[in-house]
N, C-alpha and C. Protein backbone atom coordinates (compact mmCIF):
# COMPACT_ATOMS: atom_id res chain seq x y z
N VAL A 1 -10.02 19.67 4.81
CA VAL A 1 -10.15 18.24 5.10
C VAL A 1 -11.58 17.95 5.52
N SER A 2 -12.13 16.86 5.00
CA SER A 2 -13.45 16.40 5.38
C SER A 2 -13.29 15.18 6.29
N TYR A 3 -13.79 15.27 7.52
CA TYR A 3 -13.60 14.20 8.50
C TYR A 3 -14.71 13.17 8.39
N GLN A 4 -14.34 11.91 8.14
CA GLN A 4 -15.29 10.81 8.11
C GLN A 4 -15.16 10.05 9.43
N LEU A 5 -16.24 10.05 10.20
CA LEU A 5 -16.19 9.49 11.54
C LEU A 5 -17.22 8.36 11.68
N CYS A 6 -17.02 7.52 12.66
CA CYS A 6 -17.99 6.52 13.04
C CYS A 6 -18.09 6.51 14.56
N TYR A 7 -19.05 5.81 15.09
CA TYR A 7 -19.21 5.82 16.55
C TYR A 7 -19.82 4.50 17.03
N THR A 8 -19.58 4.22 18.28
CA THR A 8 -20.21 3.09 18.94
C THR A 8 -21.00 3.60 20.14
N VAL A 9 -22.05 2.88 20.48
CA VAL A 9 -22.88 3.22 21.64
C VAL A 9 -22.91 2.03 22.58
N LYS A 10 -22.52 2.26 23.82
CA LYS A 10 -22.44 1.19 24.80
C LYS A 10 -23.12 1.62 26.10
N PRO A 11 -24.08 0.84 26.60
CA PRO A 11 -24.72 1.20 27.87
C PRO A 11 -23.75 1.07 29.04
N MET A 12 -23.84 2.00 29.96
CA MET A 12 -22.97 1.98 31.13
C MET A 12 -23.51 0.99 32.18
N PRO A 13 -22.63 0.39 32.96
CA PRO A 13 -23.08 -0.59 33.96
C PRO A 13 -23.51 0.07 35.27
N GLY A 14 -24.12 -0.74 36.14
CA GLY A 14 -24.41 -0.34 37.51
C GLY A 14 -25.32 0.87 37.62
N VAL A 15 -24.96 1.78 38.51
CA VAL A 15 -25.81 2.94 38.79
C VAL A 15 -25.88 3.90 37.59
N PHE A 16 -25.03 3.67 36.58
CA PHE A 16 -25.05 4.53 35.40
C PHE A 16 -25.80 3.87 34.24
N ASN A 17 -26.66 2.89 34.55
CA ASN A 17 -27.30 2.11 33.49
C ASN A 17 -28.27 2.90 32.63
N SER A 18 -28.62 4.09 33.03
CA SER A 18 -29.48 4.94 32.20
C SER A 18 -28.66 5.84 31.27
N THR A 19 -27.33 5.64 31.28
CA THR A 19 -26.44 6.45 30.46
C THR A 19 -25.76 5.59 29.40
N ASN A 20 -25.61 6.15 28.22
CA ASN A 20 -24.89 5.46 27.14
C ASN A 20 -23.54 6.14 26.92
N LEU A 21 -22.51 5.30 26.71
CA LEU A 21 -21.18 5.81 26.39
C LEU A 21 -21.03 5.83 24.88
N ILE A 22 -20.83 7.01 24.30
CA ILE A 22 -20.65 7.16 22.86
C ILE A 22 -19.17 7.40 22.57
N THR A 23 -18.58 6.53 21.74
CA THR A 23 -17.18 6.65 21.37
C THR A 23 -17.10 7.03 19.89
N ILE A 24 -16.46 8.16 19.60
CA ILE A 24 -16.32 8.64 18.22
C ILE A 24 -14.93 8.30 17.71
N MET A 25 -14.86 7.72 16.51
CA MET A 25 -13.60 7.22 15.95
C MET A 25 -13.51 7.59 14.48
N PRO A 26 -12.28 7.57 13.92
CA PRO A 26 -12.16 7.76 12.46
C PRO A 26 -12.74 6.57 11.71
N LYS A 27 -13.33 6.82 10.55
CA LYS A 27 -13.89 5.73 9.76
C LYS A 27 -12.79 4.82 9.24
N TYR A 28 -11.68 5.42 8.76
CA TYR A 28 -10.59 4.65 8.17
C TYR A 28 -9.38 4.69 9.09
N CYS A 29 -8.74 3.54 9.24
CA CYS A 29 -7.48 3.47 9.98
C CYS A 29 -6.45 2.76 9.11
N ILE A 30 -5.30 3.41 8.90
CA ILE A 30 -4.22 2.84 8.10
C ILE A 30 -3.19 2.24 9.05
N VAL A 31 -2.84 0.98 8.84
CA VAL A 31 -1.86 0.28 9.68
C VAL A 31 -0.61 0.00 8.84
N ASN A 32 0.49 0.62 9.20
CA ASN A 32 1.76 0.44 8.50
C ASN A 32 2.50 -0.74 9.12
N CYS A 33 2.52 -1.87 8.44
CA CYS A 33 3.20 -3.07 8.94
C CYS A 33 4.61 -3.20 8.39
N THR A 34 5.11 -2.17 7.68
CA THR A 34 6.45 -2.23 7.13
C THR A 34 7.46 -1.65 8.11
N ASN A 35 8.73 -1.78 7.77
CA ASN A 35 9.80 -1.23 8.62
C ASN A 35 10.28 0.13 8.09
N GLU A 36 9.46 0.76 7.25
CA GLU A 36 9.78 2.07 6.69
C GLU A 36 8.64 3.04 6.93
N GLU A 37 8.96 4.33 6.78
CA GLU A 37 7.90 5.34 6.80
C GLU A 37 7.02 5.14 5.59
N LEU A 38 5.71 5.22 5.80
CA LEU A 38 4.73 5.04 4.74
C LEU A 38 4.09 6.37 4.43
N MET A 39 3.92 6.65 3.13
CA MET A 39 3.29 7.90 2.71
C MET A 39 2.03 7.62 1.92
N LEU A 40 0.99 8.40 2.17
CA LEU A 40 -0.30 8.25 1.50
C LEU A 40 -0.70 9.56 0.87
N CYS A 41 -1.17 9.50 -0.37
CA CYS A 41 -1.61 10.70 -1.07
C CYS A 41 -2.96 10.41 -1.71
N GLN A 42 -3.95 11.26 -1.44
CA GLN A 42 -5.24 11.05 -2.06
C GLN A 42 -5.16 11.38 -3.55
N ASP A 43 -5.80 10.55 -4.36
CA ASP A 43 -5.78 10.74 -5.81
C ASP A 43 -6.34 12.11 -6.16
N GLY A 44 -5.55 12.90 -6.92
CA GLY A 44 -5.99 14.21 -7.35
C GLY A 44 -5.70 15.34 -6.39
N GLU A 45 -5.03 15.03 -5.26
CA GLU A 45 -4.76 16.06 -4.27
C GLU A 45 -3.36 16.67 -4.40
N GLY A 46 -2.67 16.41 -5.50
CA GLY A 46 -1.38 17.03 -5.74
C GLY A 46 -0.30 16.54 -4.80
N LYS A 47 0.42 17.49 -4.19
CA LYS A 47 1.60 17.14 -3.38
C LYS A 47 1.28 16.95 -1.90
N GLU A 48 0.03 17.04 -1.51
CA GLU A 48 -0.32 16.86 -0.11
C GLU A 48 -0.36 15.36 0.23
N PHE A 49 0.35 14.99 1.29
CA PHE A 49 0.35 13.57 1.68
C PHE A 49 0.51 13.44 3.18
N ASP A 50 0.13 12.27 3.69
CA ASP A 50 0.25 11.94 5.10
C ASP A 50 1.39 10.93 5.28
N CYS A 51 2.04 10.98 6.44
CA CYS A 51 3.13 10.05 6.75
C CYS A 51 2.76 9.22 7.98
N ILE A 52 3.07 7.93 7.92
CA ILE A 52 2.85 7.02 9.05
C ILE A 52 4.16 6.29 9.31
N GLY A 53 4.64 6.34 10.54
CA GLY A 53 5.90 5.72 10.90
C GLY A 53 5.86 4.20 10.82
N PRO A 54 7.03 3.55 10.84
CA PRO A 54 7.08 2.09 10.79
C PRO A 54 6.31 1.45 11.95
N HIS A 55 5.50 0.45 11.63
CA HIS A 55 4.73 -0.31 12.63
C HIS A 55 3.83 0.61 13.46
N LYS A 56 3.29 1.65 12.81
CA LYS A 56 2.36 2.56 13.46
C LYS A 56 1.03 2.55 12.72
N SER A 57 0.01 3.11 13.35
CA SER A 57 -1.30 3.23 12.71
C SER A 57 -1.88 4.59 13.03
N GLN A 58 -2.75 5.07 12.13
CA GLN A 58 -3.41 6.35 12.38
C GLN A 58 -4.66 6.45 11.52
N GLY A 59 -5.57 7.32 11.93
CA GLY A 59 -6.78 7.55 11.16
C GLY A 59 -6.47 8.32 9.89
N TRP A 60 -7.32 8.16 8.91
CA TRP A 60 -7.15 8.86 7.64
C TRP A 60 -8.48 9.48 7.23
N HIS A 61 -8.40 10.70 6.65
CA HIS A 61 -9.61 11.42 6.23
C HIS A 61 -9.43 11.96 4.82
N ARG A 62 -10.52 12.02 4.08
CA ARG A 62 -10.49 12.52 2.71
C ARG A 62 -10.27 14.03 2.69
N GLY A 63 -9.76 14.51 1.54
CA GLY A 63 -9.52 15.93 1.38
C GLY A 63 -10.80 16.74 1.41
N HIS A 64 -11.87 16.21 0.81
CA HIS A 64 -13.19 16.84 0.88
C HIS A 64 -14.24 15.76 0.68
N ASP A 65 -15.47 16.04 1.12
CA ASP A 65 -16.48 14.98 1.22
C ASP A 65 -16.99 14.48 -0.13
N LYS A 66 -16.73 15.20 -1.23
CA LYS A 66 -17.20 14.76 -2.54
C LYS A 66 -16.17 13.88 -3.26
N SER A 67 -14.98 13.78 -2.71
CA SER A 67 -13.94 12.98 -3.35
C SER A 67 -14.06 11.52 -2.93
N LYS A 68 -13.59 10.63 -3.80
CA LYS A 68 -13.57 9.21 -3.48
C LYS A 68 -12.35 8.89 -2.62
N PRO A 69 -12.46 7.90 -1.74
CA PRO A 69 -11.31 7.53 -0.88
C PRO A 69 -10.28 6.70 -1.66
N MET A 70 -9.69 7.33 -2.67
CA MET A 70 -8.68 6.69 -3.52
C MET A 70 -7.31 7.20 -3.10
N ILE A 71 -6.39 6.29 -2.77
CA ILE A 71 -5.07 6.72 -2.29
C ILE A 71 -3.95 6.06 -3.09
N HIS A 72 -2.87 6.84 -3.29
CA HIS A 72 -1.62 6.31 -3.79
C HIS A 72 -0.71 6.07 -2.59
N VAL A 73 0.18 5.10 -2.70
CA VAL A 73 1.06 4.74 -1.58
C VAL A 73 2.52 4.71 -2.04
N ARG A 74 3.41 4.93 -1.10
CA ARG A 74 4.85 4.74 -1.33
C ARG A 74 5.52 4.57 0.02
N THR A 75 6.75 4.08 -0.01
CA THR A 75 7.57 4.01 1.19
C THR A 75 8.73 4.98 1.04
N HIS A 76 9.54 5.07 2.08
CA HIS A 76 10.67 5.99 2.06
C HIS A 76 11.66 5.65 0.95
N SER A 77 11.74 4.37 0.57
CA SER A 77 12.73 3.94 -0.42
C SER A 77 12.15 3.75 -1.82
N SER A 78 10.85 3.96 -1.99
CA SER A 78 10.23 3.68 -3.29
C SER A 78 9.57 4.92 -3.89
N MET A 79 9.15 4.78 -5.14
CA MET A 79 8.37 5.81 -5.80
C MET A 79 6.89 5.60 -5.48
N TRP A 80 6.06 6.57 -5.90
CA TRP A 80 4.62 6.45 -5.68
C TRP A 80 4.04 5.33 -6.54
N SER A 81 2.96 4.74 -6.06
CA SER A 81 2.26 3.74 -6.86
C SER A 81 1.65 4.41 -8.09
N LEU A 82 1.68 3.70 -9.21
CA LEU A 82 1.12 4.23 -10.44
C LEU A 82 -0.39 4.40 -10.31
N ALA A 83 -1.05 3.42 -9.74
CA ALA A 83 -2.50 3.44 -9.60
C ALA A 83 -2.89 3.74 -8.16
N ALA A 84 -4.13 4.17 -7.98
CA ALA A 84 -4.68 4.40 -6.65
C ALA A 84 -5.60 3.24 -6.27
N ILE A 85 -5.78 3.04 -4.98
CA ILE A 85 -6.68 1.99 -4.50
C ILE A 85 -7.84 2.63 -3.76
N ASN A 86 -9.03 2.10 -3.98
CA ASN A 86 -10.23 2.56 -3.29
C ASN A 86 -10.34 1.82 -1.96
N ILE A 87 -10.15 2.53 -0.86
CA ILE A 87 -10.14 1.87 0.44
C ILE A 87 -11.55 1.66 1.01
N GLU A 88 -12.57 1.84 0.15
CA GLU A 88 -13.92 1.43 0.53
C GLU A 88 -14.28 0.09 -0.08
N GLU A 89 -13.41 -0.43 -0.94
CA GLU A 89 -13.65 -1.74 -1.56
C GLU A 89 -12.87 -2.81 -0.80
N ILE A 90 -13.57 -3.74 -0.18
CA ILE A 90 -12.95 -4.79 0.60
C ILE A 90 -12.15 -5.71 -0.33
N GLY A 91 -10.92 -6.00 0.07
CA GLY A 91 -10.10 -6.89 -0.75
C GLY A 91 -8.61 -6.62 -0.56
N ASN A 92 -7.81 -7.30 -1.38
CA ASN A 92 -6.35 -7.24 -1.27
C ASN A 92 -5.75 -6.90 -2.62
N SER A 93 -4.80 -5.96 -2.64
CA SER A 93 -4.10 -5.58 -3.87
C SER A 93 -2.60 -5.61 -3.60
N SER A 94 -1.83 -5.94 -4.65
CA SER A 94 -0.37 -5.97 -4.55
C SER A 94 0.21 -4.99 -5.55
N PHE A 95 0.94 -4.00 -5.05
CA PHE A 95 1.50 -2.95 -5.89
C PHE A 95 2.99 -3.20 -6.13
N LEU A 96 3.40 -3.05 -7.38
CA LEU A 96 4.81 -3.08 -7.74
C LEU A 96 5.33 -1.65 -7.72
N LEU A 97 6.25 -1.36 -6.79
CA LEU A 97 6.76 0.00 -6.62
C LEU A 97 8.23 0.06 -7.01
N PRO A 98 8.58 0.83 -8.05
CA PRO A 98 10.00 1.01 -8.37
C PRO A 98 10.74 1.67 -7.21
N LEU A 99 11.95 1.22 -6.95
CA LEU A 99 12.75 1.79 -5.88
C LEU A 99 13.43 3.07 -6.35
N LEU A 100 13.62 4.00 -5.42
CA LEU A 100 14.40 5.18 -5.71
C LEU A 100 15.87 4.80 -5.85
N LYS A 101 16.58 5.48 -6.70
CA LYS A 101 18.00 5.20 -6.86
C LYS A 101 18.76 5.71 -5.65
N PRO A 102 19.63 4.89 -5.04
CA PRO A 102 20.42 5.35 -3.89
C PRO A 102 21.37 6.46 -4.31
N LYS A 103 21.65 7.38 -3.37
CA LYS A 103 22.51 8.52 -3.67
C LYS A 103 23.92 8.10 -4.06
N ASP A 104 24.37 6.96 -3.52
CA ASP A 104 25.74 6.51 -3.81
C ASP A 104 25.78 5.43 -4.88
N SER A 105 24.73 5.39 -5.74
CA SER A 105 24.65 4.32 -6.74
C SER A 105 25.80 4.37 -7.73
N ARG A 106 26.38 5.56 -7.96
CA ARG A 106 27.49 5.66 -8.91
C ARG A 106 28.75 4.99 -8.39
N ASN A 107 28.85 4.87 -7.07
CA ASN A 107 30.04 4.26 -6.47
C ASN A 107 29.84 2.81 -6.09
N SER A 108 28.63 2.28 -6.34
CA SER A 108 28.35 0.91 -5.93
C SER A 108 28.99 -0.08 -6.88
N SER A 109 29.23 -1.28 -6.37
CA SER A 109 29.86 -2.33 -7.18
C SER A 109 28.87 -2.87 -8.20
N ASN A 110 29.37 -3.25 -9.37
CA ASN A 110 28.53 -3.80 -10.42
C ASN A 110 28.56 -5.34 -10.42
N THR A 111 29.08 -5.93 -9.38
CA THR A 111 29.20 -7.38 -9.34
C THR A 111 27.86 -8.06 -9.12
N ALA A 112 26.87 -7.34 -8.60
CA ALA A 112 25.54 -7.92 -8.36
C ALA A 112 24.48 -6.93 -8.79
N THR A 113 23.35 -7.45 -9.25
CA THR A 113 22.24 -6.59 -9.66
C THR A 113 21.25 -6.50 -8.51
N PRO A 114 21.10 -5.33 -7.88
CA PRO A 114 20.20 -5.21 -6.74
C PRO A 114 18.74 -5.24 -7.19
N GLN A 115 17.88 -5.63 -6.29
CA GLN A 115 16.46 -5.61 -6.59
C GLN A 115 16.03 -4.16 -6.84
N ARG A 116 15.30 -3.93 -7.93
CA ARG A 116 14.96 -2.57 -8.32
C ARG A 116 13.52 -2.21 -7.98
N TYR A 117 12.87 -3.01 -7.20
CA TYR A 117 11.48 -2.75 -6.88
C TYR A 117 11.14 -3.40 -5.55
N SER A 118 10.02 -3.00 -4.99
CA SER A 118 9.45 -3.70 -3.84
C SER A 118 7.97 -3.93 -4.12
N VAL A 119 7.39 -4.89 -3.44
CA VAL A 119 5.97 -5.21 -3.60
C VAL A 119 5.26 -4.86 -2.30
N LEU A 120 4.28 -3.97 -2.41
CA LEU A 120 3.53 -3.51 -1.25
C LEU A 120 2.11 -4.04 -1.35
N ASN A 121 1.67 -4.73 -0.30
CA ASN A 121 0.32 -5.29 -0.25
C ASN A 121 -0.60 -4.38 0.55
N VAL A 122 -1.80 -4.19 0.04
CA VAL A 122 -2.80 -3.36 0.71
C VAL A 122 -4.06 -4.20 0.89
N GLU A 123 -4.42 -4.45 2.13
CA GLU A 123 -5.60 -5.25 2.43
C GLU A 123 -6.64 -4.39 3.15
N VAL A 124 -7.83 -4.30 2.58
CA VAL A 124 -8.93 -3.50 3.15
C VAL A 124 -9.96 -4.44 3.74
N ASN A 125 -10.27 -4.25 5.02
CA ASN A 125 -11.23 -5.10 5.72
C ASN A 125 -12.10 -4.27 6.65
N PHE A 126 -13.27 -4.80 6.96
CA PHE A 126 -14.05 -4.21 8.04
C PHE A 126 -13.31 -4.47 9.35
N ALA A 127 -13.23 -3.48 10.18
CA ALA A 127 -12.48 -3.59 11.43
C ALA A 127 -13.21 -4.51 12.41
N ALA A 128 -12.43 -5.11 13.30
CA ALA A 128 -13.00 -5.92 14.39
C ALA A 128 -13.60 -4.99 15.45
N LYS A 129 -14.38 -5.55 16.33
CA LYS A 129 -15.03 -4.74 17.36
C LYS A 129 -14.02 -4.07 18.28
N THR A 130 -12.85 -4.69 18.41
CA THR A 130 -11.84 -4.12 19.30
C THR A 130 -11.01 -3.01 18.63
N ASP A 131 -11.13 -2.88 17.32
CA ASP A 131 -10.40 -1.83 16.60
C ASP A 131 -11.17 -0.52 16.65
N LYS A 132 -10.45 0.56 16.80
CA LYS A 132 -11.09 1.86 16.95
C LYS A 132 -11.28 2.55 15.60
N CYS A 133 -12.03 1.88 14.73
CA CYS A 133 -12.34 2.43 13.42
C CYS A 133 -13.42 1.54 12.80
N MET A 134 -13.84 1.89 11.57
CA MET A 134 -14.83 1.07 10.86
C MET A 134 -14.17 0.25 9.76
N VAL A 135 -13.20 0.85 9.05
CA VAL A 135 -12.49 0.19 7.96
C VAL A 135 -11.00 0.20 8.29
N GLN A 136 -10.39 -0.97 8.30
CA GLN A 136 -8.96 -1.08 8.60
C GLN A 136 -8.20 -1.44 7.33
N VAL A 137 -7.13 -0.68 7.08
CA VAL A 137 -6.30 -0.88 5.89
C VAL A 137 -4.91 -1.32 6.34
N LEU A 138 -4.59 -2.60 6.11
CA LEU A 138 -3.27 -3.14 6.47
C LEU A 138 -2.33 -3.05 5.27
N ILE A 139 -1.13 -2.55 5.49
CA ILE A 139 -0.15 -2.40 4.41
C ILE A 139 1.16 -3.06 4.84
N TRP A 140 1.66 -4.00 4.02
CA TRP A 140 2.91 -4.69 4.36
C TRP A 140 3.67 -5.02 3.08
N LYS A 141 4.97 -5.31 3.25
CA LYS A 141 5.82 -5.68 2.13
C LYS A 141 5.83 -7.19 1.95
N SER A 142 5.96 -7.60 0.68
CA SER A 142 6.20 -9.02 0.39
C SER A 142 7.69 -9.30 0.55
N THR A 143 8.02 -10.17 1.49
CA THR A 143 9.43 -10.51 1.72
C THR A 143 9.70 -12.01 1.63
N ASN A 144 8.65 -12.83 1.67
CA ASN A 144 8.82 -14.28 1.57
C ASN A 144 7.54 -14.89 1.02
N LEU A 145 7.54 -16.20 0.82
CA LEU A 145 6.38 -16.86 0.24
C LEU A 145 5.13 -16.73 1.11
N GLU A 146 5.33 -16.73 2.43
CA GLU A 146 4.20 -16.71 3.34
C GLU A 146 3.43 -15.38 3.30
N ASN A 147 4.13 -14.26 3.08
CA ASN A 147 3.42 -12.98 3.10
C ASN A 147 3.27 -12.36 1.72
N SER A 148 3.43 -13.17 0.67
CA SER A 148 3.28 -12.69 -0.70
C SER A 148 1.98 -13.21 -1.31
N SER A 149 1.18 -12.32 -1.85
CA SER A 149 -0.06 -12.74 -2.52
C SER A 149 0.25 -13.43 -3.83
N TYR A 150 1.27 -12.93 -4.53
CA TYR A 150 1.69 -13.52 -5.80
C TYR A 150 3.22 -13.65 -5.79
N SER A 151 3.72 -14.65 -6.48
CA SER A 151 5.17 -14.81 -6.59
C SER A 151 5.50 -15.58 -7.86
N ILE A 152 6.75 -15.45 -8.29
CA ILE A 152 7.24 -16.16 -9.47
C ILE A 152 8.55 -16.85 -9.13
N GLU A 153 8.68 -18.11 -9.52
CA GLU A 153 9.93 -18.83 -9.35
C GLU A 153 10.48 -19.20 -10.72
N ASN A 154 11.68 -18.79 -11.00
CA ASN A 154 12.33 -19.11 -12.27
C ASN A 154 13.18 -20.36 -12.08
N GLN A 155 12.72 -21.48 -12.58
CA GLN A 155 13.44 -22.74 -12.45
C GLN A 155 14.30 -23.04 -13.67
N SER A 156 14.36 -22.08 -14.59
CA SER A 156 15.15 -22.29 -15.81
C SER A 156 16.59 -21.82 -15.58
N GLU A 157 17.40 -21.99 -16.62
CA GLU A 157 18.79 -21.56 -16.58
C GLU A 157 19.00 -20.20 -17.25
N GLN A 158 17.88 -19.54 -17.58
CA GLN A 158 17.94 -18.25 -18.25
C GLN A 158 17.24 -17.18 -17.42
N THR A 159 17.70 -15.94 -17.54
CA THR A 159 17.00 -14.83 -16.91
C THR A 159 15.71 -14.56 -17.68
N ILE A 160 14.61 -14.43 -16.98
CA ILE A 160 13.34 -14.14 -17.64
C ILE A 160 12.90 -12.72 -17.32
N HIS A 161 12.13 -12.12 -18.23
CA HIS A 161 11.67 -10.75 -18.10
C HIS A 161 10.14 -10.76 -18.14
N ILE A 162 9.52 -10.08 -17.18
CA ILE A 162 8.06 -10.06 -17.07
C ILE A 162 7.60 -8.62 -16.86
N GLN A 163 6.53 -8.27 -17.57
CA GLN A 163 5.94 -6.94 -17.39
C GLN A 163 4.43 -7.04 -17.56
N GLN A 164 3.69 -6.34 -16.74
CA GLN A 164 2.24 -6.35 -16.84
C GLN A 164 1.80 -5.79 -18.18
N ALA A 165 0.88 -6.46 -18.83
CA ALA A 165 0.37 -6.01 -20.12
C ALA A 165 -0.75 -4.99 -19.93
N GLY A 166 -0.83 -4.07 -20.87
CA GLY A 166 -1.98 -3.16 -20.91
C GLY A 166 -1.91 -1.96 -19.99
N ILE A 167 -0.77 -1.72 -19.31
CA ILE A 167 -0.71 -0.56 -18.42
C ILE A 167 -0.45 0.70 -19.24
N ASN A 168 -1.07 1.79 -18.84
CA ASN A 168 -0.95 3.06 -19.54
C ASN A 168 -0.02 3.98 -18.76
N LEU A 169 1.18 4.21 -19.31
CA LEU A 169 2.16 5.06 -18.64
C LEU A 169 2.22 6.46 -19.26
N ARG A 170 1.34 6.74 -20.20
CA ARG A 170 1.38 8.03 -20.87
C ARG A 170 1.14 9.18 -19.89
N GLY A 171 2.07 10.10 -19.83
CA GLY A 171 1.94 11.25 -18.95
C GLY A 171 2.20 10.98 -17.49
N SER A 172 2.62 9.74 -17.16
CA SER A 172 2.82 9.39 -15.75
C SER A 172 4.20 9.80 -15.24
N GLY A 173 5.15 9.98 -16.15
CA GLY A 173 6.52 10.30 -15.74
C GLY A 173 7.34 9.06 -15.41
N PHE A 174 6.75 7.87 -15.49
CA PHE A 174 7.47 6.64 -15.19
C PHE A 174 8.21 6.14 -16.42
N ASP A 175 9.40 5.63 -16.22
CA ASP A 175 10.13 4.91 -17.25
C ASP A 175 9.49 3.52 -17.38
N PRO A 176 9.10 3.10 -18.60
CA PRO A 176 8.47 1.78 -18.75
C PRO A 176 9.30 0.64 -18.15
N ASP A 177 10.63 0.77 -18.20
CA ASP A 177 11.49 -0.28 -17.64
C ASP A 177 11.40 -0.36 -16.12
N SER A 178 10.82 0.67 -15.49
CA SER A 178 10.67 0.65 -14.03
C SER A 178 9.81 -0.51 -13.57
N PHE A 179 8.90 -0.98 -14.43
CA PHE A 179 7.97 -2.05 -14.07
C PHE A 179 8.32 -3.35 -14.78
N LEU A 180 9.57 -3.46 -15.27
CA LEU A 180 10.03 -4.68 -15.90
C LEU A 180 10.77 -5.53 -14.88
N LEU A 181 10.27 -6.74 -14.63
CA LEU A 181 10.89 -7.64 -13.66
C LEU A 181 11.93 -8.50 -14.37
N ARG A 182 13.13 -8.52 -13.82
CA ARG A 182 14.19 -9.39 -14.32
C ARG A 182 14.48 -10.45 -13.26
N ILE A 183 14.20 -11.69 -13.58
CA ILE A 183 14.31 -12.77 -12.60
C ILE A 183 15.45 -13.69 -13.01
N PRO A 184 16.56 -13.68 -12.28
CA PRO A 184 17.72 -14.53 -12.63
C PRO A 184 17.37 -16.01 -12.53
N PRO A 185 18.20 -16.86 -13.12
CA PRO A 185 17.96 -18.31 -13.07
C PRO A 185 17.92 -18.83 -11.62
N ARG A 186 17.03 -19.77 -11.39
CA ARG A 186 16.93 -20.47 -10.11
C ARG A 186 16.67 -19.52 -8.92
N THR A 187 15.87 -18.51 -9.15
CA THR A 187 15.56 -17.58 -8.07
C THR A 187 14.05 -17.37 -7.98
N TRP A 188 13.63 -16.85 -6.85
CA TRP A 188 12.22 -16.56 -6.57
C TRP A 188 12.06 -15.07 -6.32
N THR A 189 10.92 -14.51 -6.70
CA THR A 189 10.66 -13.09 -6.41
C THR A 189 9.18 -12.88 -6.17
N PRO A 190 8.82 -11.96 -5.28
CA PRO A 190 7.40 -11.62 -5.13
C PRO A 190 6.92 -10.87 -6.37
N LEU A 191 5.63 -10.96 -6.65
CA LEU A 191 5.06 -10.31 -7.83
C LEU A 191 4.00 -9.31 -7.40
N GLY A 192 4.07 -8.13 -7.98
CA GLY A 192 3.04 -7.12 -7.78
C GLY A 192 2.64 -6.54 -9.12
N TRP A 193 1.62 -5.69 -9.09
CA TRP A 193 1.10 -5.12 -10.32
C TRP A 193 1.38 -3.62 -10.36
N ALA A 194 1.80 -3.13 -11.54
CA ALA A 194 1.95 -1.69 -11.72
C ALA A 194 0.60 -1.02 -11.52
N ASP A 195 -0.45 -1.65 -12.04
CA ASP A 195 -1.82 -1.16 -11.87
C ASP A 195 -2.72 -2.34 -11.53
N PRO A 196 -2.98 -2.58 -10.24
CA PRO A 196 -3.79 -3.74 -9.84
C PRO A 196 -5.20 -3.73 -10.41
N THR A 197 -5.70 -2.54 -10.79
CA THR A 197 -7.07 -2.47 -11.33
C THR A 197 -7.15 -3.03 -12.74
N GLU A 198 -5.99 -3.25 -13.39
CA GLU A 198 -5.97 -3.71 -14.78
C GLU A 198 -5.68 -5.18 -14.92
N HIS A 199 -5.25 -5.86 -13.84
CA HIS A 199 -4.91 -7.28 -14.00
C HIS A 199 -6.19 -8.12 -13.90
N PRO A 200 -6.23 -9.26 -14.63
CA PRO A 200 -7.45 -10.07 -14.65
C PRO A 200 -7.78 -10.70 -13.31
């Protein structure tokens, strides 16, 4: 592991005014705003990953200093993201994550079609002075209009099907239908991208 650190320097008050207080912190801090365990895997690092509990935060470090800070994300109930995000690029991305099949899916009722995906938002920002890091990465789920970067409302009387164009699934192990959105009539759904780096 290569540790990326940052520090602050603050002069001490009173009789200690000739002394500086140096605080050493991780460069990156991941904040899990979801109600599930969050997993992070650096691109190209195989099966090694970090876990962050629900509503918890922790520092993150690259596998080695020559690698880019590119991470794949997933939750306890979803599969890994198809694409990785560079957490040195300031901005917001929305990932469409196929859900894992529940163990009791064979016994479940067929009267309703459950949502087969979740949308995970990743926002990279410079940290505030009160945050103990340099780059803060906020991760949350889209659950309503207010916390969704993108959404689709089907006002028709027909089910519509939507899939991101131009994504390359060759060799990924993903079923192409995993990223196919089925939106029933008169319903709303959050929208995410299978590969946010490919959308216009």
